[in-house]
């Protein structure tokens, strides 16, 4: 199951990172990746990577600059009004 989920995450992030995407399409891909609805106020600039994706929760008014990696095997929750800088790496404790 984990292998299939990680392969799906690679496919989705590969599409996300494959060129310019309109913000609505980025949110659609993030919804596919996380399995949760993504608020219209969320902005993510590719490149973006995730181990599994299904363990990521994004709040409202989240802004993620390019190069971010979320290692979400144990879960990553990004609350409302968060800015994550470029090339950031986030993982559970």
PDB file of N, CA and C in Angstrom:
ATOM      1  N   UNK A   1       0.826  -1.201   0.000  1.00  0.00           N
ATOM      2  CA  UNK A   1       0.000   0.000   0.000  1.00  0.00           C
ATOM      3  C   UNK A   1       0.868   1.262   0.000  1.00  0.00           C
ATOM      4  N   UNK A   2       1.895   1.295   0.864  1.00  0.00           N
ATOM      5  CA  UNK A   2       2.752   2.479   0.944  1.00  0.00           C
ATOM      6  C   UNK A   2       3.472   2.705  -0.374  1.00  0.00           C
ATOM      7  N   UNK A   3       3.918   1.628  -1.009  1.00  0.00           N
ATOM      8  CA  UNK A   3       4.624   1.766  -2.286  1.00  0.00           C
ATOM      9  C   UNK A   3       3.702   2.361  -3.354  1.00  0.00           C
ATOM     10  N   UNK A   4       2.465   1.875  -3.399  1.00  0.00           N
ATOM     11  CA  UNK A   4       1.503   2.391  -4.376  1.00  0.00           C
ATOM     12  C   UNK A   4       1.206   3.870  -4.101  1.00  0.00           C
ATOM     13  N   UNK A   5       1.046   4.220  -2.819  1.00  0.00           N
ATOM     14  CA  UNK A   5       0.778   5.613  -2.452  1.00  0.00           C
ATOM     15  C   UNK A   5       1.953   6.505  -2.806  1.00  0.00           C
ATOM     16  N   UNK A   6       3.174   6.030  -2.561  1.00  0.00           N
ATOM     17  CA  UNK A   6       4.345   6.844  -2.893  1.00  0.00           C
ATOM     18  C   UNK A   6       4.493   7.004  -4.405  1.00  0.00           C
ATOM     19  N   UNK A   7       4.160   5.975  -5.163  1.00  0.00           N
ATOM     20  CA  UNK A   7       4.214   6.089  -6.619  1.00  0.00           C
ATOM     21  C   UNK A   7       3.174   7.078  -7.130  1.00  0.00           C
ATOM     22  N   UNK A   8       1.993   7.073  -6.521  1.00  0.00           N
ATOM     23  CA  UNK A   8       0.963   8.040  -6.889  1.00  0.00           C
ATOM     24  C   UNK A   8       1.435   9.463  -6.565  1.00  0.00           C
ATOM     25  N   UNK A   9       2.083   9.649  -5.402  1.00  0.00           N
ATOM     26  CA  UNK A   9       2.616  10.963  -5.028  1.00  0.00           C
ATOM     27  C   UNK A   9       3.659  11.422  -6.039  1.00  0.00           C
ATOM     28  N   UNK A  10       4.512  10.523  -6.490  1.00  0.00           N
ATOM     29  CA  UNK A  10       5.519  10.875  -7.499  1.00  0.00           C
ATOM     30  C   UNK A  10       4.863  11.297  -8.812  1.00  0.00           C
ATOM     31  N   UNK A  11       3.809  10.586  -9.200  1.00  0.00           N
ATOM     32  CA  UNK A  11       3.102  10.920 -10.438  1.00  0.00           C
ATOM     33  C   UNK A  11       2.463  12.309 -10.339  1.00  0.00           C
ATOM     34  N   UNK A  12       1.786  12.571  -9.215  1.00  0.00           N
ATOM     35  CA  UNK A  12       1.082  13.849  -9.056  1.00  0.00           C
ATOM     36  C   UNK A  12       2.070  15.000  -8.944  1.00  0.00           C
ATOM     37  N   UNK A  13       3.114  14.851  -8.134  1.00  0.00           N
ATOM     38  CA  UNK A  13       4.093  15.941  -8.007  1.00  0.00           C
ATOM     39  C   UNK A  13       4.874  16.128  -9.299  1.00  0.00           C
ATOM     40  N   UNK A  14       5.057  15.055 -10.051  1.00  0.00           N
ATOM     41  CA  UNK A  14       5.688  15.178 -11.359  1.00  0.00           C
ATOM     42  C   UNK A  14       4.859  16.036 -12.300  1.00  0.00           C
ATOM     43  N   UNK A  15       3.549  15.837 -12.277  1.00  0.00           N
ATOM     44  CA  UNK A  15       2.672  16.681 -13.101  1.00  0.00           C
ATOM     45  C   UNK A  15       2.687  18.117 -12.592  1.00  0.00           C
ATOM     46  N   UNK A  16       2.648  18.281 -11.283  1.00  0.00           N
ATOM     47  CA  UNK A  16       2.684  19.619 -10.693  1.00  0.00           C
ATOM     48  C   UNK A  16       3.956  20.362 -11.087  1.00  0.00           C
ATOM     49  N   UNK A  17       5.070  19.654 -11.106  1.00  0.00           N
ATOM     50  CA  UNK A  17       6.376  20.265 -11.363  1.00  0.00           C
ATOM     51  C   UNK A  17       6.727  20.347 -12.847  1.00  0.00           C
ATOM     52  N   UNK A  18       5.854  19.853 -13.717  1.00  0.00           N
ATOM     53  CA  UNK A  18       6.183  19.740 -15.132  1.00  0.00           C
ATOM     54  C   UNK A  18       6.034  20.995 -15.968  1.00  0.00           C
ATOM     55  N   UNK A  19       5.808  22.122 -15.371  1.00  0.00           N
ATOM     56  CA  UNK A  19       5.645  23.362 -16.129  1.00  0.00           C
ATOM     57  C   UNK A  19       4.644  24.267 -15.439  1.00  0.00           C
ATOM     58  N   UNK A  20       4.311  25.358 -16.101  1.00  0.00           N
ATOM     59  CA  UNK A  20       3.367  26.303 -15.501  1.00  0.00           C
ATOM     60  C   UNK A  20       1.990  25.681 -15.372  1.00  0.00           C
ATOM     61  N   UNK A  21       1.381  25.874 -14.213  1.00  0.00           N
ATOM     62  CA  UNK A  21       0.007  25.441 -13.970  1.00  0.00           C
ATOM     63  C   UNK A  21      -0.754  26.620 -13.390  1.00  0.00           C
ATOM     64  N   UNK A  22      -1.974  26.802 -13.836  1.00  0.00           N
ATOM     65  CA  UNK A  22      -2.837  27.823 -13.253  1.00  0.00           C
ATOM     66  C   UNK A  22      -3.092  27.464 -11.783  1.00  0.00           C
ATOM     67  N   UNK A  23      -3.314  28.455 -10.924  1.00  0.00           N
ATOM     68  CA  UNK A  23      -3.525  28.176  -9.500  1.00  0.00           C
ATOM     69  C   UNK A  23      -4.636  27.162  -9.218  1.00  0.00           C
ATOM     70  N   UNK A  24      -5.718  27.214  -9.968  1.00  0.00           N
ATOM     71  CA  UNK A  24      -6.809  26.249  -9.760  1.00  0.00           C
ATOM     72  C   UNK A  24      -6.335  24.826 -10.044  1.00  0.00           C
ATOM     73  N   UNK A  25      -5.515  24.649 -11.080  1.00  0.00           N
ATOM     74  CA  UNK A  25      -4.997  23.309 -11.404  1.00  0.00           C
ATOM     75  C   UNK A  25      -4.025  22.842 -10.319  1.00  0.00           C
ATOM     76  N   UNK A  26      -3.224  23.744  -9.790  1.00  0.00           N
ATOM     77  CA  UNK A  26      -2.323  23.379  -8.688  1.00  0.00           C
ATOM     78  C   UNK A  26      -3.139  22.870  -7.505  1.00  0.00           C
ATOM     79  N   UNK A  27      -4.215  23.553  -7.174  1.00  0.00           N
ATOM     80  CA  UNK A  27      -5.063  23.110  -6.062  1.00  0.00           C
ATOM     81  C   UNK A  27      -5.726  21.765  -6.366  1.00  0.00           C
ATOM     82  N   UNK A  28      -6.134  21.546  -7.618  1.00  0.00           N
ATOM     83  CA  UNK A  28      -6.697  20.238  -7.994  1.00  0.00           C
ATOM     84  C   UNK A  28      -5.676  19.131  -7.758  1.00  0.00           C
ATOM     85  N   UNK A  29      -4.445  19.373  -8.185  1.00  0.00           N
ATOM     86  CA  UNK A  29      -3.396  18.364  -7.999  1.00  0.00           C
ATOM     87  C   UNK A  29      -3.092  18.150  -6.525  1.00  0.00           C
ATOM     88  N   UNK A  30      -3.088  19.224  -5.741  1.00  0.00           N
ATOM     89  CA  UNK A  30      -2.868  19.082  -4.296  1.00  0.00           C
ATOM     90  C   UNK A  30      -4.005  18.324  -3.629  1.00  0.00           C
ATOM     91  N   UNK A  31      -5.227  18.524  -4.116  1.00  0.00           N
ATOM     92  CA  UNK A  31      -6.369  17.760  -3.605  1.00  0.00           C
ATOM     93  C   UNK A  31      -6.189  16.280  -3.904  1.00  0.00           C
ATOM     94  N   UNK A  32      -5.741  15.957  -5.128  1.00  0.00           N
ATOM     95  CA  UNK A  32      -5.461  14.555  -5.468  1.00  0.00           C
ATOM     96  C   UNK A  32      -4.358  13.994  -4.578  1.00  0.00           C
ATOM     97  N   UNK A  33      -3.320  14.788  -4.369  1.00  0.00           N
ATOM     98  CA  UNK A  33      -2.175  14.337  -3.579  1.00  0.00           C
ATOM     99  C   UNK A  33      -2.557  14.064  -2.132  1.00  0.00           C
ATOM    100  N   UNK A  34      -3.307  14.985  -1.517  1.00  0.00           N
ATOM    101  CA  UNK A  34      -3.623  14.868  -0.092  1.00  0.00           C
ATOM    102  C   UNK A  34      -4.894  14.076   0.184  1.00  0.00           C
ATOM    103  N   UNK A  35      -5.774  14.006  -0.809  1.00  0.00           N
ATOM    104  CA  UNK A  35      -7.065  13.367  -0.587  1.00  0.00           C
ATOM    105  C   UNK A  35      -8.009  14.252   0.207  1.00  0.00           C
ATOM    106  N   UNK A  36      -7.656  15.547   0.322  1.00  0.00           N
ATOM    107  CA  UNK A  36      -8.467  16.503   1.082  1.00  0.00           C
ATOM    108  C   UNK A  36      -8.677  17.751   0.228  1.00  0.00           C
ATOM    109  N   UNK A  37      -9.804  18.450   0.437  1.00  0.00           N
ATOM    110  CA  UNK A  37     -10.006  19.691  -0.310  1.00  0.00           C
ATOM    111  C   UNK A  37      -8.952  20.735   0.070  1.00  0.00           C
ATOM    112  N   UNK A  38      -8.518  21.510  -0.903  1.00  0.00           N
ATOM    113  CA  UNK A  38      -7.532  22.566  -0.691  1.00  0.00           C
ATOM    114  C   UNK A  38      -8.233  23.909  -0.888  1.00  0.00           C
ATOM    115  N   UNK A  39      -8.127  24.765   0.110  1.00  0.00           N
ATOM    116  CA  UNK A  39      -8.787  26.070   0.081  1.00  0.00           C
ATOM    117  C   UNK A  39      -8.235  26.931  -1.061  1.00  0.00           C
ATOM    118  N   UNK A  40      -9.098  27.783  -1.627  1.00  0.00           N
ATOM    119  CA  UNK A  40      -8.689  28.676  -2.722  1.00  0.00           C
ATOM    120  C   UNK A  40      -7.589  29.646  -2.317  1.00  0.00           C
ATOM    121  N   UNK A  41      -7.413  29.865  -1.022  1.00  0.00           N
ATOM    122  CA  UNK A  41      -6.397  30.807  -0.547  1.00  0.00           C
ATOM    123  C   UNK A  41      -4.995  30.201  -0.488  1.00  0.00           C
ATOM    124  N   UNK A  42      -4.871  28.899  -0.755  1.00  0.00           N
ATOM    125  CA  UNK A  42      -3.575  28.214  -0.702  1.00  0.00           C
ATOM    126  C   UNK A  42      -2.819  28.456  -2.008  1.00  0.00           C
ATOM    127  N   UNK A  43      -1.525  28.800  -1.880  1.00  0.00           N
ATOM    128  CA  UNK A  43      -0.653  28.994  -3.036  1.00  0.00           C
ATOM    129  C   UNK A  43       0.586  28.134  -2.859  1.00  0.00           C
ATOM    130  N   UNK A  44       0.892  27.327  -3.863  1.00  0.00           N
ATOM    131  CA  UNK A  44       2.102  26.506  -3.855  1.00  0.00           C
ATOM    132  C   UNK A  44       2.822  26.725  -5.180  1.00  0.00           C
ATOM    133  N   UNK A  45       4.101  27.101  -5.093  1.00  0.00           N
ATOM    134  CA  UNK A  45       4.934  27.242  -6.276  1.00  0.00           C
ATOM    135  C   UNK A  45       5.775  25.989  -6.442  1.00  0.00           C
ATOM    136  N   UNK A  46       5.674  25.311  -7.589  1.00  0.00           N
ATOM    137  CA  UNK A  46       6.540  24.169  -7.841  1.00  0.00           C
ATOM    138  C   UNK A  46       7.997  24.628  -7.872  1.00  0.00           C
ATOM    139  N   UNK A  47       8.863  23.849  -7.574  1.00  0.00           N
ATOM    140  CA  UNK A  47       8.930  22.426  -7.363  1.00  0.00           C
ATOM    141  C   UNK A  47       8.418  22.084  -5.972  1.00  0.00           C
ATOM    142  N   UNK A  48       7.684  20.987  -5.872  1.00  0.00           N
ATOM    143  CA  UNK A  48       7.085  20.554  -4.618  1.00  0.00           C
ATOM    144  C   UNK A  48       7.168  19.037  -4.564  1.00  0.00           C
ATOM    145  N   UNK A  49       7.613  18.508  -3.433  1.00  0.00           N
ATOM    146  CA  UNK A  49       7.777  17.060  -3.288  1.00  0.00           C
ATOM    147  C   UNK A  49       7.115  16.585  -2.003  1.00  0.00           C
ATOM    148  N   UNK A  50       6.614  15.361  -2.033  1.00  0.00           N
ATOM    149  CA  UNK A  50       6.027  14.734  -0.849  1.00  0.00           C
ATOM    150  C   UNK A  50       6.278  13.236  -0.922  1.00  0.00           C
ATOM    151  N   UNK A  51       6.487  12.609   0.253  1.00  0.00           N
ATOM    152  CA  UNK A  51       6.692  11.161   0.289  1.00  0.00           C
ATOM    153  C   UNK A  51       5.427  10.406  -0.109  1.00  0.00           C
ATOM    154  N   UNK A  52       4.327  10.731   0.559  1.00  0.00           N
ATOM    155  CA  UNK A  52       3.067  10.030   0.331  1.00  0.00           C
ATOM    156  C   UNK A  52       1.938  10.970  -0.061  1.00  0.00           C
ATOM    157  N   UNK A  53       1.891  12.139   0.547  1.00  0.00           N
ATOM    158  CA  UNK A  53       0.861  13.124   0.246  1.00  0.00           C
ATOM    159  C   UNK A  53      -0.402  12.985   1.067  1.00  0.00           C
ATOM    160  N   UNK A  54      -0.828  11.769   1.331  1.00  0.00           N
ATOM    161  CA  UNK A  54      -2.098  11.546   2.029  1.00  0.00           C
ATOM    162  C   UNK A  54      -2.046  11.975   3.490  1.00  0.00           C
ATOM    163  N   UNK A  55      -0.862  12.192   4.034  1.00  0.00           N
ATOM    164  CA  UNK A  55      -0.709  12.584   5.436  1.00  0.00           C
ATOM    165  C   UNK A  55      -0.405  14.069   5.586  1.00  0.00           C
ATOM    166  N   UNK A  56      -0.717  14.858   4.555  1.00  0.00           N
ATOM    167  CA  UNK A  56      -0.501  16.303   4.584  1.00  0.00           C
ATOM    168  C   UNK A  56      -1.845  17.003   4.770  1.00  0.00           C
ATOM    169  N   UNK A  57      -1.862  17.973   5.675  1.00  0.00           N
ATOM    170  CA  UNK A  57      -3.032  18.825   5.867  1.00  0.00           C
ATOM    171  C   UNK A  57      -2.585  20.265   5.720  1.00  0.00           C
ATOM    172  N   UNK A  58      -3.255  21.005   4.835  1.00  0.00           N
ATOM    173  CA  UNK A  58      -2.941  22.415   4.616  1.00  0.00           C
ATOM    174  C   UNK A  58      -4.102  23.276   5.095  1.00  0.00           C
ATOM    175  N   UNK A  59      -3.795  24.287   5.910  1.00  0.00           N
ATOM    176  CA  UNK A  59      -4.813  25.220   6.376  1.00  0.00           C
ATOM    177  C   UNK A  59      -5.155  26.236   5.304  1.00  0.00           C
ATOM    178  N   UNK A  60      -5.745  27.336   5.725  1.00  0.00           N
ATOM    179  CA  UNK A  60      -6.091  28.408   4.797  1.00  0.00           C
ATOM    180  C   UNK A  60      -4.962  29.440   4.763  1.00  0.00           C
ATOM    181  N   UNK A  61      -4.882  30.156   3.662  1.00  0.00           N
ATOM    182  CA  UNK A  61      -3.884  31.206   3.467  1.00  0.00           C
ATOM    183  C   UNK A  61      -2.458  30.682   3.679  1.00  0.00           C
ATOM    184  N   UNK A  62      -2.208  29.486   3.169  1.00  0.00           N
ATOM    185  CA  UNK A  62      -0.864  28.889   3.195  1.00  0.00           C
ATOM    186  C   UNK A  62      -0.158  29.277   1.908  1.00  0.00           C
ATOM    187  N   UNK A  63       1.108  29.654   2.016  1.00  0.00           N
ATOM    188  CA  UNK A  63       1.914  30.043   0.863  1.00  0.00           C
ATOM    189  C   UNK A  63       3.215  29.265   0.942  1.00  0.00           C
ATOM    190  N   UNK A  64       3.461  28.419  -0.047  1.00  0.00           N
ATOM    191  CA  UNK A  64       4.665  27.587  -0.079  1.00  0.00           C
ATOM    192  C   UNK A  64       5.467  27.956  -1.309  1.00  0.00           C
ATOM    193  N   UNK A  65       6.692  28.414  -1.071  1.00  0.00           N
ATOM    194  CA  UNK A  65       7.578  28.832  -2.149  1.00  0.00           C
ATOM    195  C   UNK A  65       8.297  27.601  -2.713  1.00  0.00           C
ATOM    196  N   UNK A  66       8.775  27.677  -3.939  1.00  0.00           N
ATOM    197  CA  UNK A  66       9.325  26.536  -4.663  1.00  0.00           C
ATOM    198  C   UNK A  66      10.468  25.837  -3.934  1.00  0.00           C
ATOM    199  N   UNK A  67      10.529  24.538  -4.187  1.00  0.00           N
ATOM    200  CA  UNK A  67      11.597  23.713  -3.648  1.00  0.00           C
ATOM    201  C   UNK A  67      11.263  23.040  -2.334  1.00  0.00           C
ATOM    202  N   UNK A  68      10.025  23.100  -1.897  1.00  0.00           N
ATOM    203  CA  UNK A  68       9.626  22.537  -0.608  1.00  0.00           C
ATOM    204  C   UNK A  68       9.475  21.016  -0.696  1.00  0.00           C
ATOM    205  N   UNK A  69       9.957  20.333   0.340  1.00  0.00           N
ATOM    206  CA  UNK A  69       9.771  18.895   0.475  1.00  0.00           C
ATOM    207  C   UNK A  69       9.067  18.615   1.793  1.00  0.00           C
ATOM    208  N   UNK A  70       7.938  17.893   1.733  1.00  0.00           N
ATOM    209  CA  UNK A  70       7.224  17.475   2.932  1.00  0.00           C
ATOM    210  C   UNK A  70       7.362  15.964   3.060  1.00  0.00           C
ATOM    211  N   UNK A  71       8.085  15.533   4.077  1.00  0.00           N
ATOM    212  CA  UNK A  71       8.235  14.106   4.348  1.00  0.00           C
ATOM    213  C   UNK A  71       7.118  13.730   5.310  1.00  0.00           C
ATOM    214  N   UNK A  72       6.021  13.266   4.745  1.00  0.00           N
ATOM    215  CA  UNK A  72       4.765  13.166   5.490  1.00  0.00           C
ATOM    216  C   UNK A  72       4.408  11.769   5.962  1.00  0.00           C
ATOM    217  N   UNK A  73       5.345  10.876   6.054  1.00  0.00           N
ATOM    218  CA  UNK A  73       5.004   9.515   6.480  1.00  0.00           C
ATOM    219  C   UNK A  73       4.350   9.498   7.857  1.00  0.00           C
ATOM    220  N   UNK A  74       4.757  10.408   8.740  1.00  0.00           N
ATOM    221  CA  UNK A  74       4.162  10.493  10.072  1.00  0.00           C
ATOM    222  C   UNK A  74       3.124  11.590  10.191  1.00  0.00           C
ATOM    223  N   UNK A  75       2.872  12.298   9.101  1.00  0.00           N
ATOM    224  CA  UNK A  75       1.889  13.381   9.097  1.00  0.00           C
ATOM    225  C   UNK A  75       2.542  14.746   9.209  1.00  0.00           C
ATOM    226  N   UNK A  76       2.104  15.662   8.383  1.00  0.00           N
ATOM    227  CA  UNK A  76       2.548  17.051   8.426  1.00  0.00           C
ATOM    228  C   UNK A  76       1.297  17.919   8.360  1.00  0.00           C
ATOM    229  N   UNK A  77       1.121  18.779   9.361  1.00  0.00           N
ATOM    230  CA  UNK A  77      -0.002  19.709   9.394  1.00  0.00           C
ATOM    231  C   UNK A  77       0.564  21.119   9.305  1.00  0.00           C
ATOM    232  N   UNK A  78       0.135  21.857   8.303  1.00  0.00           N
ATOM    233  CA  UNK A  78       0.534  23.252   8.127  1.00  0.00           C
ATOM    234  C   UNK A  78      -0.719  24.075   8.378  1.00  0.00           C
ATOM    235  N   UNK A  79      -0.695  24.851   9.447  1.00  0.00           N
ATOM    236  CA  UNK A  79      -1.874  25.598   9.884  1.00  0.00           C
ATOM    237  C   UNK A  79      -2.141  26.833   9.046  1.00  0.00           C
ATOM    238  N   UNK A  80      -3.186  27.534   9.440  1.00  0.00           N
ATOM    239  CA  UNK A  80      -3.599  28.753   8.746  1.00  0.00           C
ATOM    240  C   UNK A  80      -2.505  29.818   8.813  1.00  0.00           C
ATOM    241  N   UNK A  81      -2.450  30.642   7.758  1.00  0.00           N
ATOM    242  CA  UNK A  81      -1.571  31.815   7.703  1.00  0.00           C
ATOM    243  C   UNK A  81      -0.091  31.467   7.791  1.00  0.00           C
ATOM    244  N   UNK A  82       0.327  30.386   7.161  1.00  0.00           N
ATOM    245  CA  UNK A  82       1.736  29.976   7.189  1.00  0.00           C
ATOM    246  C   UNK A  82       2.421  30.276   5.856  1.00  0.00           C
ATOM    247  N   UNK A  83       3.663  30.700   5.965  1.00  0.00           N
ATOM    248  CA  UNK A  83       4.534  30.902   4.815  1.00  0.00           C
ATOM    249  C   UNK A  83       5.709  29.962   4.989  1.00  0.00           C
ATOM    250  N   UNK A  84       5.966  29.136   3.969  1.00  0.00           N
ATOM    251  CA  UNK A  84       7.101  28.217   3.989  1.00  0.00           C
ATOM    252  C   UNK A  84       8.046  28.646   2.890  1.00  0.00           C
ATOM    253  N   UNK A  85       9.279  28.946   3.267  1.00  0.00           N
ATOM    254  CA  UNK A  85      10.265  29.471   2.336  1.00  0.00           C
ATOM    255  C   UNK A  85      10.789  28.416   1.374  1.00  0.00           C
ATOM    256  N   UNK A  86      11.464  28.906   0.355  1.00  0.00           N
ATOM    257  CA  UNK A  86      12.032  28.042  -0.672  1.00  0.00           C
ATOM    258  C   UNK A  86      13.023  27.039  -0.116  1.00  0.00           C
ATOM    259  N   UNK A  87      13.041  25.890  -0.688  1.00  0.00           N
ATOM    260  CA  UNK A  87      13.890  24.736  -0.355  1.00  0.00           C
ATOM    261  C   UNK A  87      13.708  24.250   1.081  1.00  0.00           C
ATOM    262  N   UNK A  88      12.580  24.560   1.701  1.00  0.00           N
ATOM    263  CA  UNK A  88      12.313  24.084   3.062  1.00  0.00           C
ATOM    264  C   UNK A  88      12.079  22.586   3.060  1.00  0.00           C
ATOM    265  N   UNK A  89      12.465  21.949   4.148  1.00  0.00           N
ATOM    266  CA  UNK A  89      12.222  20.521   4.360  1.00  0.00           C
ATOM    267  C   UNK A  89      11.437  20.379   5.648  1.00  0.00           C
ATOM    268  N   UNK A  90      10.266  19.735   5.582  1.00  0.00           N
ATOM    269  CA  UNK A  90       9.424  19.555   6.761  1.00  0.00           C
ATOM    270  C   UNK A  90       9.171  18.073   6.967  1.00  0.00           C
ATOM    271  N   UNK A  91       9.304  17.626   8.211  1.00  0.00           N
ATOM    272  CA  UNK A  91       9.053  16.236   8.532  1.00  0.00           C
ATOM    273  C   UNK A  91       8.566  16.150   9.968  1.00  0.00           C
ATOM    274  N   UNK A  92       7.871  15.060  10.310  1.00  0.00           N
ATOM    275  CA  UNK A  92       7.371  14.916  11.677  1.00  0.00           C
ATOM    276  C   UNK A  92       8.506  14.627  12.646  1.00  0.00           C
ATOM    277  N   UNK A  93       8.263  14.911  13.911  1.00  0.00           N
ATOM    278  CA  UNK A  93       9.280  14.624  14.928  1.00  0.00           C
ATOM    279  C   UNK A  93       9.355  13.161  15.216  1.00  0.00           C
TER     280      UNK A  93
END
